[in-house]
């Protein structure tokens, strides 16, 4: 739902990179190059970014009890 603060495998902080990653990918840059430039070299961190689905907007549409 929300990007984790740290990578689950290597414990590297990654949450601060999420906004820049999303903006650059929306502009049309290649995902691989964006991840390289952000300094995400480990496959665990890259998989975290590539596999993340942002569901926060959809979840906020529902009522709270």
PDB file of N, CA and C in Angstrom:
ATOM      1  N   UNK A   1       0.816  -1.179   0.000  1.00  0.00           N
ATOM      2  CA  UNK A   1       0.000   0.000   0.000  1.00  0.00           C
ATOM      3  C   UNK A   1       0.871   1.259   0.000  1.00  0.00           C
ATOM      4  N   UNK A   2       1.725   1.398   0.991  1.00  0.00           N
ATOM      5  CA  UNK A   2       2.669   2.506   1.044  1.00  0.00           C
ATOM      6  C   UNK A   2       4.061   1.895   0.930  1.00  0.00           C
ATOM      7  N   UNK A   3       4.942   2.564   0.215  1.00  0.00           N
ATOM      8  CA  UNK A   3       6.292   2.032   0.025  1.00  0.00           C
ATOM      9  C   UNK A   3       6.969   1.879   1.394  1.00  0.00           C
ATOM     10  N   UNK A   4       7.611   0.753   1.653  1.00  0.00           N
ATOM     11  CA  UNK A   4       8.277   0.549   2.956  1.00  0.00           C
ATOM     12  C   UNK A   4       9.425   1.538   3.159  1.00  0.00           C
ATOM     13  N   UNK A   5       9.690   1.860   4.399  1.00  0.00           N
ATOM     14  CA  UNK A   5      10.784   2.781   4.733  1.00  0.00           C
ATOM     15  C   UNK A   5      12.128   2.179   4.353  1.00  0.00           C
ATOM     16  N   UNK A   6      12.302   0.898   4.634  1.00  0.00           N
ATOM     17  CA  UNK A   6      13.556   0.199   4.351  1.00  0.00           C
ATOM     18  C   UNK A   6      13.284  -1.050   3.531  1.00  0.00           C
ATOM     19  N   UNK A   7      14.284  -1.471   2.805  1.00  0.00           N
ATOM     20  CA  UNK A   7      14.201  -2.717   2.047  1.00  0.00           C
ATOM     21  C   UNK A   7      14.077  -3.874   3.036  1.00  0.00           C
ATOM     22  N   UNK A   8      13.203  -4.826   2.717  1.00  0.00           N
ATOM     23  CA  UNK A   8      12.979  -5.950   3.620  1.00  0.00           C
ATOM     24  C   UNK A   8      14.207  -6.860   3.735  1.00  0.00           C
ATOM     25  N   UNK A   9      14.982  -6.973   2.685  1.00  0.00           N
ATOM     26  CA  UNK A   9      16.105  -7.904   2.680  1.00  0.00           C
ATOM     27  C   UNK A   9      17.401  -7.311   3.224  1.00  0.00           C
ATOM     28  N   UNK A  10      17.783  -6.153   2.711  1.00  0.00           N
ATOM     29  CA  UNK A  10      19.094  -5.600   3.070  1.00  0.00           C
ATOM     30  C   UNK A  10      19.022  -4.441   4.065  1.00  0.00           C
ATOM     31  N   UNK A  11      17.815  -3.975   4.376  1.00  0.00           N
ATOM     32  CA  UNK A  11      17.595  -2.919   5.369  1.00  0.00           C
ATOM     33  C   UNK A  11      18.105  -1.549   4.919  1.00  0.00           C
ATOM     34  N   UNK A  12      18.258  -1.339   3.616  1.00  0.00           N
ATOM     35  CA  UNK A  12      18.681  -0.044   3.093  1.00  0.00           C
ATOM     36  C   UNK A  12      17.469   0.889   3.050  1.00  0.00           C
ATOM     37  N   UNK A  13      17.601   2.155   3.477  1.00  0.00           N
ATOM     38  CA  UNK A  13      16.478   3.091   3.385  1.00  0.00           C
ATOM     39  C   UNK A  13      16.141   3.390   1.921  1.00  0.00           C
ATOM     40  N   UNK A  14      14.874   3.226   1.543  1.00  0.00           N
ATOM     41  CA  UNK A  14      14.480   3.422   0.149  1.00  0.00           C
ATOM     42  C   UNK A  14      13.272   4.331  -0.026  1.00  0.00           C
ATOM     43  N   UNK A  15      12.522   4.623   1.025  1.00  0.00           N
ATOM     44  CA  UNK A  15      11.268   5.370   0.905  1.00  0.00           C
ATOM     45  C   UNK A  15      11.473   6.780   0.363  1.00  0.00           C
ATOM     46  N   UNK A  16      12.587   7.402   0.682  1.00  0.00           N
ATOM     47  CA  UNK A  16      12.838   8.768   0.236  1.00  0.00           C
ATOM     48  C   UNK A  16      13.073   8.856  -1.276  1.00  0.00           C
ATOM     49  N   UNK A  17      13.306   7.745  -1.923  1.00  0.00           N
ATOM     50  CA  UNK A  17      13.551   7.719  -3.366  1.00  0.00           C
ATOM     51  C   UNK A  17      12.283   7.485  -4.176  1.00  0.00           C
ATOM     52  N   UNK A  18      11.185   7.102  -3.544  1.00  0.00           N
ATOM     53  CA  UNK A  18       9.973   6.688  -4.250  1.00  0.00           C
ATOM     54  C   UNK A  18       9.363   7.807  -5.092  1.00  0.00           C
ATOM     55  N   UNK A  19       9.204   8.999  -4.538  1.00  0.00           N
ATOM     56  CA  UNK A  19       8.565  10.103  -5.258  1.00  0.00           C
ATOM     57  C   UNK A  19       9.346  10.465  -6.524  1.00  0.00           C
ATOM     58  N   UNK A  20      10.658  10.553  -6.398  1.00  0.00           N
ATOM     59  CA  UNK A  20      11.481  10.884  -7.566  1.00  0.00           C
ATOM     60  C   UNK A  20      11.391   9.788  -8.616  1.00  0.00           C
ATOM     61  N   UNK A  21      11.376   8.533  -8.183  1.00  0.00           N
ATOM     62  CA  UNK A  21      11.252   7.409  -9.108  1.00  0.00           C
ATOM     63  C   UNK A  21       9.945   7.492  -9.896  1.00  0.00           C
ATOM     64  N   UNK A  22       8.840   7.731  -9.216  1.00  0.00           N
ATOM     65  CA  UNK A  22       7.528   7.791  -9.873  1.00  0.00           C
ATOM     66  C   UNK A  22       7.479   8.950 -10.859  1.00  0.00           C
ATOM     67  N   UNK A  23       7.978  10.115 -10.465  1.00  0.00           N
ATOM     68  CA  UNK A  23       7.963  11.281 -11.349  1.00  0.00           C
ATOM     69  C   UNK A  23       8.779  11.040 -12.615  1.00  0.00           C
ATOM     70  N   UNK A  24       9.960  10.475 -12.466  1.00  0.00           N
ATOM     71  CA  UNK A  24      10.828  10.269 -13.620  1.00  0.00           C
ATOM     72  C   UNK A  24      10.294   9.202 -14.559  1.00  0.00           C
ATOM     73  N   UNK A  25       9.653   8.167 -14.014  1.00  0.00           N
ATOM     74  CA  UNK A  25       9.072   7.121 -14.861  1.00  0.00           C
ATOM     75  C   UNK A  25       7.864   7.669 -15.612  1.00  0.00           C
ATOM     76  N   UNK A  26       7.066   8.528 -14.961  1.00  0.00           N
ATOM     77  CA  UNK A  26       5.915   9.141 -15.635  1.00  0.00           C
ATOM     78  C   UNK A  26       6.356  10.054 -16.771  1.00  0.00           C
ATOM     79  N   UNK A  27       7.534  10.661 -16.640  1.00  0.00           N
ATOM     80  CA  UNK A  27       8.059  11.523 -17.699  1.00  0.00           C
ATOM     81  C   UNK A  27       8.533  10.726 -18.905  1.00  0.00           C
ATOM     82  N   UNK A  28       8.681   9.405 -18.736  1.00  0.00           N
ATOM     83  CA  UNK A  28       9.055   8.570 -19.864  1.00  0.00           C
ATOM     84  C   UNK A  28      10.454   7.989 -19.808  1.00  0.00           C
ATOM     85  N   UNK A  29      11.163   8.197 -18.722  1.00  0.00           N
ATOM     86  CA  UNK A  29      12.502   7.630 -18.605  1.00  0.00           C
ATOM     87  C   UNK A  29      12.421   6.123 -18.408  1.00  0.00           C
ATOM     88  N   UNK A  30      13.460   5.432 -18.801  1.00  0.00           N
ATOM     89  CA  UNK A  30      13.533   3.983 -18.652  1.00  0.00           C
ATOM     90  C   UNK A  30      13.681   3.624 -17.176  1.00  0.00           C
ATOM     91  N   UNK A  31      12.918   2.633 -16.712  1.00  0.00           N
ATOM     92  CA  UNK A  31      12.933   2.250 -15.300  1.00  0.00           C
ATOM     93  C   UNK A  31      14.314   1.807 -14.845  1.00  0.00           C
ATOM     94  N   UNK A  32      15.008   1.076 -15.699  1.00  0.00           N
ATOM     95  CA  UNK A  32      16.347   0.589 -15.337  1.00  0.00           C
ATOM     96  C   UNK A  32      17.310   1.743 -15.100  1.00  0.00           C
ATOM     97  N   UNK A  33      17.273   2.723 -15.983  1.00  0.00           N
ATOM     98  CA  UNK A  33      18.181   3.856 -15.846  1.00  0.00           C
ATOM     99  C   UNK A  33      17.847   4.703 -14.625  1.00  0.00           C
ATOM    100  N   UNK A  34      16.564   4.857 -14.332  1.00  0.00           N
ATOM    101  CA  UNK A  34      16.166   5.627 -13.154  1.00  0.00           C
ATOM    102  C   UNK A  34      16.655   4.939 -11.890  1.00  0.00           C
ATOM    103  N   UNK A  35      16.482   3.619 -11.805  1.00  0.00           N
ATOM    104  CA  UNK A  35      16.950   2.886 -10.633  1.00  0.00           C
ATOM    105  C   UNK A  35      18.461   2.969 -10.494  1.00  0.00           C
ATOM    106  N   UNK A  36      19.174   2.911 -11.615  1.00  0.00           N
ATOM    107  CA  UNK A  36      20.637   3.037 -11.579  1.00  0.00           C
ATOM    108  C   UNK A  36      21.061   4.413 -11.064  1.00  0.00           C
ATOM    109  N   UNK A  37      20.404   5.463 -11.563  1.00  0.00           N
ATOM    110  CA  UNK A  37      20.769   6.821 -11.162  1.00  0.00           C
ATOM    111  C   UNK A  37      20.388   7.124  -9.716  1.00  0.00           C
ATOM    112  N   UNK A  38      19.364   6.459  -9.204  1.00  0.00           N
ATOM    113  CA  UNK A  38      18.981   6.653  -7.808  1.00  0.00           C
ATOM    114  C   UNK A  38      19.880   5.874  -6.848  1.00  0.00           C
ATOM    115  N   UNK A  39      20.721   5.008  -7.383  1.00  0.00           N
ATOM    116  CA  UNK A  39      21.665   4.265  -6.549  1.00  0.00           C
ATOM    117  C   UNK A  39      21.127   2.949  -6.028  1.00  0.00           C
ATOM    118  N   UNK A  40      20.066   2.443  -6.631  1.00  0.00           N
ATOM    119  CA  UNK A  40      19.520   1.149  -6.215  1.00  0.00           C
ATOM    120  C   UNK A  40      20.179   0.065  -7.057  1.00  0.00           C
ATOM    121  N   UNK A  41      21.228  -0.533  -6.505  1.00  0.00           N
ATOM    122  CA  UNK A  41      22.007  -1.522  -7.242  1.00  0.00           C
ATOM    123  C   UNK A  41      21.630  -2.952  -6.886  1.00  0.00           C
ATOM    124  N   UNK A  42      21.179  -3.169  -5.668  1.00  0.00           N
ATOM    125  CA  UNK A  42      20.853  -4.527  -5.229  1.00  0.00           C
ATOM    126  C   UNK A  42      19.522  -4.972  -5.824  1.00  0.00           C
ATOM    127  N   UNK A  43      19.442  -6.237  -6.159  1.00  0.00           N
ATOM    128  CA  UNK A  43      18.220  -6.744  -6.792  1.00  0.00           C
ATOM    129  C   UNK A  43      17.035  -6.731  -5.847  1.00  0.00           C
ATOM    130  N   UNK A  44      17.285  -6.809  -4.531  1.00  0.00           N
ATOM    131  CA  UNK A  44      16.165  -6.802  -3.589  1.00  0.00           C
ATOM    132  C   UNK A  44      15.493  -5.426  -3.557  1.00  0.00           C
ATOM    133  N   UNK A  45      16.286  -4.366  -3.584  1.00  0.00           N
ATOM    134  CA  UNK A  45      15.730  -3.006  -3.583  1.00  0.00           C
ATOM    135  C   UNK A  45      15.037  -2.709  -4.910  1.00  0.00           C
ATOM    136  N   UNK A  46      15.624  -3.154  -6.000  1.00  0.00           N
ATOM    137  CA  UNK A  46      15.025  -2.936  -7.317  1.00  0.00           C
ATOM    138  C   UNK A  46      13.695  -3.666  -7.430  1.00  0.00           C
ATOM    139  N   UNK A  47      13.629  -4.884  -6.910  1.00  0.00           N
ATOM    140  CA  UNK A  47      12.394  -5.656  -6.947  1.00  0.00           C
ATOM    141  C   UNK A  47      11.311  -4.991  -6.103  1.00  0.00           C
ATOM    142  N   UNK A  48      11.709  -4.373  -5.009  1.00  0.00           N
ATOM    143  CA  UNK A  48      10.759  -3.663  -4.162  1.00  0.00           C
ATOM    144  C   UNK A  48      10.102  -2.524  -4.932  1.00  0.00           C
ATOM    145  N   UNK A  49      10.873  -1.781  -5.704  1.00  0.00           N
ATOM    146  CA  UNK A  49      10.340  -0.668  -6.477  1.00  0.00           C
ATOM    147  C   UNK A  49       9.527  -1.150  -7.676  1.00  0.00           C
ATOM    148  N   UNK A  50      10.039  -2.143  -8.379  1.00  0.00           N
ATOM    149  CA  UNK A  50       9.349  -2.611  -9.587  1.00  0.00           C
ATOM    150  C   UNK A  50       8.068  -3.373  -9.269  1.00  0.00           C
ATOM    151  N   UNK A  51       8.001  -4.008  -8.118  1.00  0.00           N
ATOM    152  CA  UNK A  51       6.830  -4.798  -7.773  1.00  0.00           C
ATOM    153  C   UNK A  51       5.798  -4.062  -6.939  1.00  0.00           C
ATOM    154  N   UNK A  52       6.077  -2.832  -6.567  1.00  0.00           N
ATOM    155  CA  UNK A  52       5.165  -2.085  -5.704  1.00  0.00           C
ATOM    156  C   UNK A  52       3.969  -1.568  -6.494  1.00  0.00           C
ATOM    157  N   UNK A  53       2.767  -1.743  -5.929  1.00  0.00           N
ATOM    158  CA  UNK A  53       1.537  -1.212  -6.509  1.00  0.00           C
ATOM    159  C   UNK A  53       0.983  -0.214  -5.503  1.00  0.00           C
ATOM    160  N   UNK A  54       0.820   1.029  -5.919  1.00  0.00           N
ATOM    161  CA  UNK A  54       0.371   2.077  -5.016  1.00  0.00           C
ATOM    162  C   UNK A  54      -1.152   2.062  -4.928  1.00  0.00           C
ATOM    163  N   UNK A  55      -1.673   1.546  -3.836  1.00  0.00           N
ATOM    164  CA  UNK A  55      -3.118   1.411  -3.642  1.00  0.00           C
ATOM    165  C   UNK A  55      -3.678   2.438  -2.667  1.00  0.00           C
ATOM    166  N   UNK A  56      -2.892   3.398  -2.261  1.00  0.00           N
ATOM    167  CA  UNK A  56      -3.332   4.354  -1.262  1.00  0.00           C
ATOM    168  C   UNK A  56      -4.528   5.171  -1.752  1.00  0.00           C
ATOM    169  N   UNK A  57      -4.509   5.621  -3.000  1.00  0.00           N
ATOM    170  CA  UNK A  57      -5.613   6.408  -3.535  1.00  0.00           C
ATOM    171  C   UNK A  57      -6.911   5.608  -3.549  1.00  0.00           C
ATOM    172  N   UNK A  58      -6.834   4.347  -3.901  1.00  0.00           N
ATOM    173  CA  UNK A  58      -8.023   3.508  -3.942  1.00  0.00           C
ATOM    174  C   UNK A  58      -8.544   3.220  -2.532  1.00  0.00           C
ATOM    175  N   UNK A  59      -7.662   2.995  -1.583  1.00  0.00           N
ATOM    176  CA  UNK A  59      -8.067   2.662  -0.226  1.00  0.00           C
ATOM    177  C   UNK A  59      -8.705   3.851   0.490  1.00  0.00           C
ATOM    178  N   UNK A  60      -8.306   5.062   0.147  1.00  0.00           N
ATOM    179  CA  UNK A  60      -8.852   6.244   0.817  1.00  0.00           C
ATOM    180  C   UNK A  60     -10.270   6.567   0.356  1.00  0.00           C
ATOM    181  N   UNK A  61     -10.765   5.931  -0.681  1.00  0.00           N
ATOM    182  CA  UNK A  61     -12.124   6.182  -1.151  1.00  0.00           C
ATOM    183  C   UNK A  61     -13.171   5.534  -0.248  1.00  0.00           C
ATOM    184  N   UNK A  62     -12.781   4.536   0.530  1.00  0.00           N
ATOM    185  CA  UNK A  62     -13.734   3.802   1.364  1.00  0.00           C
ATOM    186  C   UNK A  62     -13.923   4.502   2.711  1.00  0.00           C
ATOM    187  N   UNK A  63     -15.111   4.331   3.277  1.00  0.00           N
ATOM    188  CA  UNK A  63     -15.428   4.935   4.566  1.00  0.00           C
ATOM    189  C   UNK A  63     -14.697   4.232   5.695  1.00  0.00           C
ATOM    190  N   UNK A  64     -14.423   4.993   6.730  1.00  0.00           N
ATOM    191  CA  UNK A  64     -13.904   4.410   7.963  1.00  0.00           C
ATOM    192  C   UNK A  64     -15.083   4.174   8.880  1.00  0.00           C
ATOM    193  N   UNK A  65     -14.989   3.193   9.738  1.00  0.00           N
ATOM    194  CA  UNK A  65     -16.088   2.889  10.659  1.00  0.00           C
ATOM    195  C   UNK A  65     -16.129   3.833  11.804  1.00  0.00           C
TER     196      UNK A  65
END
